Amino acid sequence: MTLPLHHMDFVFQTKLGTYPLTAQCEMLAELGYQGFTVSAWSKELDALPSVKPRWGLDVGAIYLIYRRGLEDFVAGIFETIEGCTRIELALHSGDKVTDADLRMIERLLPICERRGIDIALYPHGRYGMQTTAEAVALCQRFDHPALGIVFNGYHWYAMQEGSLEARLDALWPWLRQVNLAGCRMSPLGWGGLATIEPLDEGEMDNFVLLGALDRRGFKGRCGVLGWESMGGDVYGNLQRSMSAFRSMEARLSAHPGWAVMTQLT
């Protein structure tokens, strides 16, 4: 099991500002990452087509948030983005999935068909679509090949959705990508839910999550979630997460039975 490892560009957005795209790519390439997810509010989206030829990195996805009032902005990203064919879409137009969310997806799917883009719904704590169960319901409702799901270990854990094996089974037909983070339940974390940490910290057992994916034959990319609250040295945090991920992979390959738990919460 050797999966392509990406990192979300949030890790480069610190309290002091944002690292330029060149520095981001040089760090990721030097550390052995295969690519990254870029936030839609990046000021360097126009440069994405140059990322692969220049640094050998894949732009795995654009992370995009929809809330009421952003209809034209969201559609504009879908219409104009180059150098990437996947949008990770978080829905935040209310405190639950709303009719506005449904209309937005209906508007976007024809664009996806025309431009060869797919949507990976991004369940997100404190947003309208918070759980994998809500994302599955939307995929079932639209029944469209361009619509799938990101399984985000952080938000699954932070929302205490539970039943890891059952949740993976339920969303498996629509799984596009997996995102990971070190995290612990804490009112000091994002949204008062949980911290976002490098993969070698926190209480979340990412080794068990990787084992559950491996048993199901997952071969897609994994992304690491970062956030400005992590603090410290960005390069060091990237390095620690890479080392932790590859260590877990090697351990899982040698001892797959270690990742089988008697009970998963």
C-alpha atoms as a PDB file:
ATOM      1  CA  MET A   1       0.000   0.000   0.000  1.00  0.00           C
ATOM      2  CA  THR A   2       1.739   3.175  -1.214  1.00  0.00           C
ATOM      3  CA  LEU A   3      -0.798   5.889  -1.851  1.00  0.00           C
ATOM      4  CA  PRO A   4      -0.219   9.296  -3.444  1.00  0.00           C
ATOM      5  CA  LEU A   5      -0.036  11.823  -0.616  1.00  0.00           C
ATOM      6  CA  HIS A   6      -1.262  15.379  -1.080  1.00  0.00           C
ATOM      7  CA  HIS A   7      -1.523  18.286   1.344  1.00  0.00           C
ATOM      8  CA  MET A   8      -4.185  20.971   1.520  1.00  0.00           C
ATOM      9  CA  ASP A   9      -2.754  24.453   1.033  1.00  0.00           C
ATOM     10  CA  PHE A  10      -4.332  25.735   4.261  1.00  0.00           C
ATOM     11  CA  VAL A  11      -1.068  24.790   5.990  1.00  0.00           C
ATOM     12  CA  PHE A  12       0.640  27.587   4.039  1.00  0.00           C
ATOM     13  CA  GLN A  13      -1.846  30.211   5.291  1.00  0.00           C
ATOM     14  CA  THR A  14      -0.366  31.368   8.597  1.00  0.00           C
ATOM     15  CA  LYS A  15      -1.018  34.191  11.043  1.00  0.00           C
ATOM     16  CA  LEU A  16       1.674  36.182   9.244  1.00  0.00           C
ATOM     17  CA  GLY A  17       0.372  35.726   5.719  1.00  0.00           C
ATOM     18  CA  THR A  18       0.394  33.154   2.913  1.00  0.00           C
ATOM     19  CA  TYR A  19       3.420  31.514   1.328  1.00  0.00           C
ATOM     20  CA  PRO A  20       3.639  32.117  -2.449  1.00  0.00           C
ATOM     21  CA  LEU A  21       2.752  29.252  -4.759  1.00  0.00           C
ATOM     22  CA  THR A  22       6.384  28.771  -5.777  1.00  0.00           C
ATOM     23  CA  ALA A  23       7.448  28.196  -2.163  1.00  0.00           C
ATOM     24  CA  GLN A  24       4.489  25.882  -1.561  1.00  0.00           C
ATOM     25  CA  CYS A  25       5.367  23.708  -4.540  1.00  0.00           C
ATOM     26  CA  GLU A  26       9.081  23.640  -3.788  1.00  0.00           C
ATOM     27  CA  MET A  27       8.435  22.492  -0.204  1.00  0.00           C
ATOM     28  CA  LEU A  28       5.961  19.810  -1.237  1.00  0.00           C
ATOM     29  CA  ALA A  29       8.166  18.479  -4.030  1.00  0.00           C
ATOM     30  CA  GLU A  30      11.292  18.441  -1.868  1.00  0.00           C
ATOM     31  CA  LEU A  31       9.506  16.452   0.847  1.00  0.00           C
ATOM     32  CA  GLY A  32       8.115  13.895  -1.595  1.00  0.00           C
ATOM     33  CA  TYR A  33       4.442  14.857  -1.745  1.00  0.00           C
ATOM     34  CA  GLN A  34       2.682  13.949  -4.976  1.00  0.00           C
ATOM     35  CA  GLY A  35       0.377  16.953  -5.077  1.00  0.00           C
ATOM     36  CA  PHE A  36      -1.920  19.295  -3.171  1.00  0.00           C
ATOM     37  CA  THR A  37      -5.405  20.732  -2.886  1.00  0.00           C
ATOM     38  CA  VAL A  38      -5.686  24.470  -3.525  1.00  0.00           C
ATOM     39  CA  SER A  39      -8.248  26.717  -1.826  1.00  0.00           C
ATOM     40  CA  ALA A  40     -10.474  28.650  -4.226  1.00  0.00           C
ATOM     41  CA  TRP A  41      -9.527  31.959  -2.602  1.00  0.00           C
ATOM     42  CA  SER A  42      -5.880  31.532  -3.631  1.00  0.00           C
ATOM     43  CA  LYS A  43      -4.681  34.545  -5.616  1.00  0.00           C
ATOM     44  CA  GLU A  44      -2.612  32.285  -7.902  1.00  0.00           C
ATOM     45  CA  LEU A  45      -5.256  30.041  -9.471  1.00  0.00           C
ATOM     46  CA  ASP A  46      -4.174  31.187 -12.932  1.00  0.00           C
ATOM     47  CA  ALA A  47      -0.769  29.566 -12.361  1.00  0.00           C
ATOM     48  CA  LEU A  48      -2.137  26.064 -11.666  1.00  0.00           C
ATOM     49  CA  PRO A  49      -1.570  24.732 -15.218  1.00  0.00           C
ATOM     50  CA  SER A  50       2.180  25.272 -14.696  1.00  0.00           C
ATOM     51  CA  VAL A  51       2.378  23.236 -11.477  1.00  0.00           C
ATOM     52  CA  LYS A  52       2.645  19.758 -13.020  1.00  0.00           C
ATOM     53  CA  PRO A  53       5.213  20.552 -15.729  1.00  0.00           C
ATOM     54  CA  ARG A  54       7.346  22.706 -13.433  1.00  0.00           C
ATOM     55  CA  TRP A  55       7.311  20.755 -10.160  1.00  0.00           C
ATOM     56  CA  GLY A  56       5.815  17.366 -11.047  1.00  0.00           C
ATOM     57  CA  LEU A  57       2.958  17.890  -8.593  1.00  0.00           C
ATOM     58  CA  ASP A  58      -0.688  17.123  -9.270  1.00  0.00           C
ATOM     59  CA  VAL A  59      -3.289  19.745  -8.428  1.00  0.00           C
ATOM     60  CA  GLY A  60      -5.627  17.130  -7.023  1.00  0.00           C
ATOM     61  CA  ALA A  61      -8.554  19.436  -6.313  1.00  0.00           C
ATOM     62  CA  ILE A  62      -9.805  22.950  -5.687  1.00  0.00           C
ATOM     63  CA  TYR A  63     -11.445  23.408  -2.282  1.00  0.00           C
ATOM     64  CA  LEU A  64     -14.521  25.597  -2.647  1.00  0.00           C
ATOM     65  CA  ILE A  65     -17.199  26.742  -0.200  1.00  0.00           C
ATOM     66  CA  TYR A  66     -20.725  27.537  -1.348  1.00  0.00           C
ATOM     67  CA  ARG A  67     -23.022  29.751   0.682  1.00  0.00           C
ATOM     68  CA  ARG A  68     -25.966  31.873  -0.407  1.00  0.00           C
ATOM     69  CA  GLY A  69     -24.804  34.888  -2.351  1.00  0.00           C
ATOM     70  CA  LEU A  70     -21.811  33.091  -3.870  1.00  0.00           C
ATOM     71  CA  GLU A  71     -23.691  31.438  -6.726  1.00  0.00           C
ATOM     72  CA  ASP A  72     -21.914  33.314  -9.514  1.00  0.00           C
ATOM     73  CA  PHE A  73     -18.498  33.025  -7.855  1.00  0.00           C
ATOM     74  CA  VAL A  74     -18.859  29.253  -7.439  1.00  0.00           C
ATOM     75  CA  ALA A  75     -20.141  28.750 -10.972  1.00  0.00           C
ATOM     76  CA  GLY A  76     -17.330  30.970 -12.252  1.00  0.00           C
ATOM     77  CA  ILE A  77     -14.717  28.700 -10.672  1.00  0.00           C
ATOM     78  CA  PHE A  78     -16.275  25.700 -12.385  1.00  0.00           C
ATOM     79  CA  GLU A  79     -16.410  27.534 -15.703  1.00  0.00           C
ATOM     80  CA  THR A  80     -12.884  28.906 -15.729  1.00  0.00           C
ATOM     81  CA  ILE A  81     -10.568  26.675 -13.704  1.00  0.00           C
ATOM     82  CA  GLU A  82      -7.678  25.133 -15.612  1.00  0.00           C
ATOM     83  CA  GLY A  83      -5.062  22.653 -14.472  1.00  0.00           C
ATOM     84  CA  CYS A  84      -7.471  20.750 -12.217  1.00  0.00           C
ATOM     85  CA  THR A  85     -10.514  18.545 -12.832  1.00  0.00           C
ATOM     86  CA  ARG A  86     -11.936  18.104  -9.332  1.00  0.00           C
ATOM     87  CA  ILE A  87     -13.726  20.511  -7.003  1.00  0.00           C
ATOM     88  CA  GLU A  88     -14.082  19.628  -3.326  1.00  0.00           C
ATOM     89  CA  LEU A  89     -17.344  21.387  -2.487  1.00  0.00           C
ATOM     90  CA  ALA A  90     -18.421  22.313   1.030  1.00  0.00           C
ATOM     91  CA  LEU A  91     -22.029  23.468   1.464  1.00  0.00           C
ATOM     92  CA  HIS A  92     -22.544  26.261   3.972  1.00  0.00           C
ATOM     93  CA  SER A  93     -25.720  28.077   2.936  1.00  0.00           C
ATOM     94  CA  GLY A  94     -27.431  27.349   6.264  1.00  0.00           C
ATOM     95  CA  ASP A  95     -27.309  25.149   9.348  1.00  0.00           C
ATOM     96  CA  LYS A  96     -28.537  22.203   7.255  1.00  0.00           C
ATOM     97  CA  VAL A  97     -28.669  21.284   3.580  1.00  0.00           C
ATOM     98  CA  THR A  98     -31.072  23.752   1.959  1.00  0.00           C
ATOM     99  CA  ASP A  99     -32.972  24.198  -1.293  1.00  0.00           C
ATOM    100  CA  ALA A 100     -30.299  26.719  -2.265  1.00  0.00           C
ATOM    101  CA  ASP A 101     -27.671  23.965  -1.989  1.00  0.00           C
ATOM    102  CA  LEU A 102     -29.750  21.689  -4.200  1.00  0.00           C
ATOM    103  CA  ARG A 103     -30.205  24.403  -6.811  1.00  0.00           C
ATOM    104  CA  MET A 104     -26.468  25.070  -6.779  1.00  0.00           C
ATOM    105  CA  ILE A 105     -25.630  21.425  -7.419  1.00  0.00           C
ATOM    106  CA  GLU A 106     -28.239  21.315 -10.201  1.00  0.00           C
ATOM    107  CA  ARG A 107     -26.558  24.342 -11.783  1.00  0.00           C
ATOM    108  CA  LEU A 108     -23.053  22.878 -11.487  1.00  0.00           C
ATOM    109  CA  LEU A 109     -23.578  19.362 -12.818  1.00  0.00           C
ATOM    110  CA  PRO A 110     -24.128  20.421 -16.456  1.00  0.00           C
ATOM    111  CA  ILE A 111     -20.917  22.469 -16.233  1.00  0.00           C
ATOM    112  CA  CYS A 112     -19.136  19.367 -14.955  1.00  0.00           C
ATOM    113  CA  GLU A 113     -20.405  17.372 -17.930  1.00  0.00           C
ATOM    114  CA  ARG A 114     -19.279  20.019 -20.393  1.00  0.00           C
ATOM    115  CA  ARG A 115     -15.850  20.667 -18.880  1.00  0.00           C
ATOM    116  CA  GLY A 116     -14.901  17.187 -17.629  1.00  0.00           C
ATOM    117  CA  ILE A 117     -14.912  18.192 -13.950  1.00  0.00           C
ATOM    118  CA  ASP A 118     -16.193  16.175 -11.015  1.00  0.00           C
ATOM    119  CA  ILE A 119     -17.495  17.305  -7.628  1.00  0.00           C
ATOM    120  CA  ALA A 120     -16.386  15.688  -4.397  1.00  0.00           C
ATOM    121  CA  LEU A 121     -18.821  16.765  -1.681  1.00  0.00           C
ATOM    122  CA  TYR A 122     -16.919  17.819   1.434  1.00  0.00           C
ATOM    123  CA  PRO A 123     -18.777  17.184   4.728  1.00  0.00           C
ATOM    124  CA  HIS A 124     -17.695  19.925   7.119  1.00  0.00           C
ATOM    125  CA  GLY A 125     -18.476  20.467  10.794  1.00  0.00           C
ATOM    126  CA  ARG A 126     -20.503  23.599  11.621  1.00  0.00           C
ATOM    127  CA  TYR A 127     -21.586  23.893   7.978  1.00  0.00           C
ATOM    128  CA  GLY A 128     -24.879  22.956   6.336  1.00  0.00           C
ATOM    129  CA  MET A 129     -23.652  19.554   5.095  1.00  0.00           C
ATOM    130  CA  GLN A 130     -21.800  18.262   8.148  1.00  0.00           C
ATOM    131  CA  THR A 131     -21.771  14.464   7.892  1.00  0.00           C
ATOM    132  CA  THR A 132     -21.018  11.678   5.464  1.00  0.00           C
ATOM    133  CA  ALA A 133     -24.641  10.551   5.827  1.00  0.00           C
ATOM    134  CA  GLU A 134     -25.840  13.894   4.401  1.00  0.00           C
ATOM    135  CA  ALA A 135     -23.342  13.658   1.542  1.00  0.00           C
ATOM    136  CA  VAL A 136     -24.496  10.129   0.699  1.00  0.00           C
ATOM    137  CA  ALA A 137     -28.114  11.315   0.649  1.00  0.00           C
ATOM    138  CA  LEU A 138     -27.215  14.009  -1.891  1.00  0.00           C
ATOM    139  CA  CYS A 139     -25.352  11.541  -4.111  1.00  0.00           C
ATOM    140  CA  GLN A 140     -28.344   9.221  -4.021  1.00  0.00           C
ATOM    141  CA  ARG A 141     -30.700  12.074  -4.807  1.00  0.00           C
ATOM    142  CA  PHE A 142     -28.804  13.322  -7.874  1.00  0.00           C
ATOM    143  CA  ASP A 143     -27.470   9.948  -9.041  1.00  0.00           C
ATOM    144  CA  HIS A 144     -24.881  11.624 -11.283  1.00  0.00           C
ATOM    145  CA  PRO A 145     -21.459  10.171 -12.216  1.00  0.00           C
ATOM    146  CA  ALA A 146     -19.765  13.532 -11.668  1.00  0.00           C
ATOM    147  CA  LEU A 147     -20.894  13.701  -8.031  1.00  0.00           C
ATOM    148  CA  GLY A 148     -18.901  11.966  -5.300  1.00  0.00           C
ATOM    149  CA  ILE A 149     -17.642  12.413  -1.731  1.00  0.00           C
ATOM    150  CA  VAL A 150     -14.464  13.275   0.159  1.00  0.00           C
ATOM    151  CA  PHE A 151     -14.119  11.244   3.339  1.00  0.00           C
ATOM    152  CA  ASN A 152     -12.484  13.695   5.729  1.00  0.00           C
ATOM    153  CA  GLY A 153     -11.232  11.860   8.805  1.00  0.00           C
ATOM    154  CA  TYR A 154     -11.027  15.112  10.744  1.00  0.00           C
ATOM    155  CA  HIS A 155     -14.643  16.155  10.214  1.00  0.00           C
ATOM    156  CA  TRP A 156     -15.932  12.601  10.655  1.00  0.00           C
ATOM    157  CA  TYR A 157     -14.144  12.486  14.008  1.00  0.00           C
ATOM    158  CA  ALA A 158     -14.963  16.045  15.061  1.00  0.00           C
ATOM    159  CA  MET A 159     -18.670  15.535  14.371  1.00  0.00           C
ATOM    160  CA  GLN A 160     -18.535  12.226  16.302  1.00  0.00           C
ATOM    161  CA  GLU A 161     -20.383  10.525  13.477  1.00  0.00           C
ATOM    162  CA  GLY A 162     -19.013   7.186  14.670  1.00  0.00           C
ATOM    163  CA  SER A 163     -19.139   3.700  13.127  1.00  0.00           C
ATOM    164  CA  LEU A 164     -16.114   4.086  10.867  1.00  0.00           C
ATOM    165  CA  GLU A 165     -16.603   0.793   9.077  1.00  0.00           C
ATOM    166  CA  ALA A 166     -20.317   1.400   8.502  1.00  0.00           C
ATOM    167  CA  ARG A 167     -19.741   4.968   7.280  1.00  0.00           C
ATOM    168  CA  LEU A 168     -17.055   3.861   4.815  1.00  0.00           C
ATOM    169  CA  ASP A 169     -19.319   1.099   3.514  1.00  0.00           C
ATOM    170  CA  ALA A 170     -22.186   3.558   3.034  1.00  0.00           C
ATOM    171  CA  LEU A 171     -20.182   6.129   1.086  1.00  0.00           C
ATOM    172  CA  TRP A 172     -17.896   3.719  -0.762  1.00  0.00           C
ATOM    173  CA  PRO A 173     -19.677   3.878  -4.153  1.00  0.00           C
ATOM    174  CA  TRP A 174     -19.073   7.643  -4.219  1.00  0.00           C
ATOM    175  CA  LEU A 175     -15.654   7.906  -2.543  1.00  0.00           C
ATOM    176  CA  ARG A 176     -13.275  10.168  -4.500  1.00  0.00           C
ATOM    177  CA  GLN A 177     -10.598  11.052  -1.955  1.00  0.00           C
ATOM    178  CA  VAL A 178      -9.653  10.679   1.709  1.00  0.00           C
ATOM    179  CA  ASN A 179      -8.381  13.531   3.874  1.00  0.00           C
ATOM    180  CA  LEU A 180      -6.541  12.962   7.144  1.00  0.00           C
ATOM    181  CA  ALA A 181      -5.398  15.019  10.111  1.00  0.00           C
ATOM    182  CA  GLY A 182      -4.089  14.569  13.576  1.00  0.00           C
ATOM    183  CA  CYS A 183      -6.852  15.849  15.842  1.00  0.00           C
ATOM    184  CA  ARG A 184      -8.319  15.760  19.315  1.00  0.00           C
ATOM    185  CA  MET A 185     -11.701  16.810  20.605  1.00  0.00           C
ATOM    186  CA  SER A 186     -11.271  20.226  22.193  1.00  0.00           C
ATOM    187  CA  PRO A 187     -13.217  23.492  22.563  1.00  0.00           C
ATOM    188  CA  LEU A 188      -9.935  25.173  21.581  1.00  0.00           C
ATOM    189  CA  GLY A 189     -10.032  23.546  18.141  1.00  0.00           C
ATOM    190  CA  TRP A 190     -11.620  24.747  14.912  1.00  0.00           C
ATOM    191  CA  GLY A 191     -15.220  25.828  15.521  1.00  0.00           C
ATOM    192  CA  GLY A 192     -14.947  24.668  19.123  1.00  0.00           C
ATOM    193  CA  LEU A 193     -14.941  21.079  17.856  1.00  0.00           C
ATOM    194  CA  ALA A 194     -11.467  19.622  17.496  1.00  0.00           C
ATOM    195  CA  THR A 195      -7.867  20.598  16.888  1.00  0.00           C
ATOM    196  CA  ILE A 196      -6.095  20.205  13.535  1.00  0.00           C
ATOM    197  CA  GLU A 197      -2.577  18.814  14.017  1.00  0.00           C
ATOM    198  CA  PRO A 198       0.176  17.022  12.080  1.00  0.00           C
ATOM    199  CA  LEU A 199      -0.415  13.309  11.594  1.00  0.00           C
ATOM    200  CA  ASP A 200       1.962  12.325  14.409  1.00  0.00           C
ATOM    201  CA  GLU A 201      -0.154  14.098  17.037  1.00  0.00           C
ATOM    202  CA  GLY A 202      -3.710  14.006  18.393  1.00  0.00           C
ATOM    203  CA  GLU A 203      -6.027  11.286  19.611  1.00  0.00           C
ATOM    204  CA  MET A 204      -7.470  10.284  16.224  1.00  0.00           C
ATOM    205  CA  ASP A 205      -6.117   6.828  15.216  1.00  0.00           C
ATOM    206  CA  ASN A 206      -5.247   7.360  11.561  1.00  0.00           C
ATOM    207  CA  PHE A 207      -3.496   3.975  11.387  1.00  0.00           C
ATOM    208  CA  VAL A 208      -6.839   2.257  11.952  1.00  0.00           C
ATOM    209  CA  LEU A 209      -8.457   4.458   9.310  1.00  0.00           C
ATOM    210  CA  LEU A 210      -5.749   3.523   6.789  1.00  0.00           C
ATOM    211  CA  GLY A 211      -6.294  -0.134   7.647  1.00  0.00           C
ATOM    212  CA  ALA A 212     -10.018   0.161   6.983  1.00  0.00           C
ATOM    213  CA  LEU A 213      -9.284   1.754   3.616  1.00  0.00           C
ATOM    214  CA  ASP A 214      -6.689  -0.872   2.728  1.00  0.00           C
ATOM    215  CA  ARG A 215      -9.082  -3.749   3.454  1.00  0.00           C
ATOM    216  CA  ARG A 216     -11.522  -2.180   0.998  1.00  0.00           C
ATOM    217  CA  GLY A 217      -8.875  -1.835  -1.696  1.00  0.00           C
ATOM    218  CA  PHE A 218      -8.633   1.959  -1.661  1.00  0.00           C
ATOM    219  CA  LYS A 219      -6.058   3.129  -4.237  1.00  0.00           C
ATOM    220  CA  GLY A 220      -6.877   6.847  -4.474  1.00  0.00           C
ATOM    221  CA  ARG A 221      -5.092   9.872  -3.121  1.00  0.00           C
ATOM    222  CA  CYS A 222      -4.924  10.889   0.512  1.00  0.00           C
ATOM    223  CA  GLY A 223      -4.765  14.532   1.492  1.00  0.00           C
ATOM    224  CA  VAL A 224      -3.490  15.984   4.767  1.00  0.00           C
ATOM    225  CA  LEU A 225      -5.476  18.810   6.322  1.00  0.00           C
ATOM    226  CA  GLY A 226      -3.542  21.731   7.747  1.00  0.00           C
ATOM    227  CA  TRP A 227      -4.633  24.960   9.380  1.00  0.00           C
ATOM    228  CA  GLU A 228      -3.052  28.168  10.616  1.00  0.00           C
ATOM    229  CA  SER A 229      -3.838  27.174  14.221  1.00  0.00           C
ATOM    230  CA  MET A 230      -1.219  24.408  13.971  1.00  0.00           C
ATOM    231  CA  GLY A 231       1.464  27.038  14.366  1.00  0.00           C
ATOM    232  CA  GLY A 232       5.153  26.376  14.324  1.00  0.00           C
ATOM    233  CA  ASP A 233       7.268  25.761  11.237  1.00  0.00           C
ATOM    234  CA  VAL A 234       5.236  24.981   8.111  1.00  0.00           C
ATOM    235  CA  TYR A 235       7.985  22.905   6.500  1.00  0.00           C
ATOM    236  CA  GLY A 236       8.465  20.965   9.728  1.00  0.00           C
ATOM    237  CA  ASN A 237       4.745  20.209   9.969  1.00  0.00           C
ATOM    238  CA  LEU A 238       4.714  19.002   6.362  1.00  0.00           C
ATOM    239  CA  GLN A 239       7.733  16.799   7.048  1.00  0.00           C
ATOM    240  CA  ARG A 240       6.235  15.303  10.196  1.00  0.00           C
ATOM    241  CA  SER A 241       2.977  14.415   8.465  1.00  0.00           C
ATOM    242  CA  MET A 242       4.803  12.836   5.521  1.00  0.00           C
ATOM    243  CA  SER A 243       6.994  10.745   7.846  1.00  0.00           C
ATOM    244  CA  ALA A 244       4.029   9.661   9.946  1.00  0.00           C
ATOM    245  CA  PHE A 245       1.968   8.681   6.897  1.00  0.00           C
ATOM    246  CA  ARG A 246       4.687   6.601   5.254  1.00  0.00           C
ATOM    247  CA  SER A 247       5.488   4.966   8.608  1.00  0.00           C
ATOM    248  CA  MET A 248       1.838   3.957   9.041  1.00  0.00           C
ATOM    249  CA  GLU A 249       1.763   2.600   5.485  1.00  0.00           C
ATOM    250  CA  ALA A 250       4.874   0.478   6.064  1.00  0.00           C
ATOM    251  CA  ARG A 251       3.529  -0.819   9.381  1.00  0.00           C
ATOM    252  CA  LEU A 252       0.205  -1.656   7.789  1.00  0.00           C
ATOM    253  CA  SER A 253       1.915  -3.545   4.969  1.00  0.00           C
ATOM    254  CA  ALA A 254       3.933  -5.602   7.450  1.00  0.00           C
ATOM    255  CA  HIS A 255       1.157  -6.107  10.018  1.00  0.00           C
ATOM    256  CA  PRO A 256      -2.301  -5.613   8.466  1.00  0.00           C
ATOM    257  CA  GLY A 257      -3.955  -7.349  11.389  1.00  0.00           C
ATOM    258  CA  TRP A 258      -2.798  -4.638  13.757  1.00  0.00           C
ATOM    259  CA  ALA A 259      -5.333  -2.235  12.222  1.00  0.00           C
ATOM    260  CA  VAL A 260      -8.352  -4.469  12.911  1.00  0.00           C
ATOM    261  CA  MET A 261     -10.099  -3.265  16.042  1.00  0.00           C
ATOM    262  CA  THR A 262     -12.702  -5.115  18.075  1.00  0.00           C
ATOM    263  CA  GLN A 263     -14.794  -1.947  18.196  1.00  0.00           C
ATOM    264  CA  LEU A 264     -14.553   1.277  16.193  1.00  0.00           C
ATOM    265  CA  THR A 265     -16.176   4.503  17.304  1.00  0.00           C
END
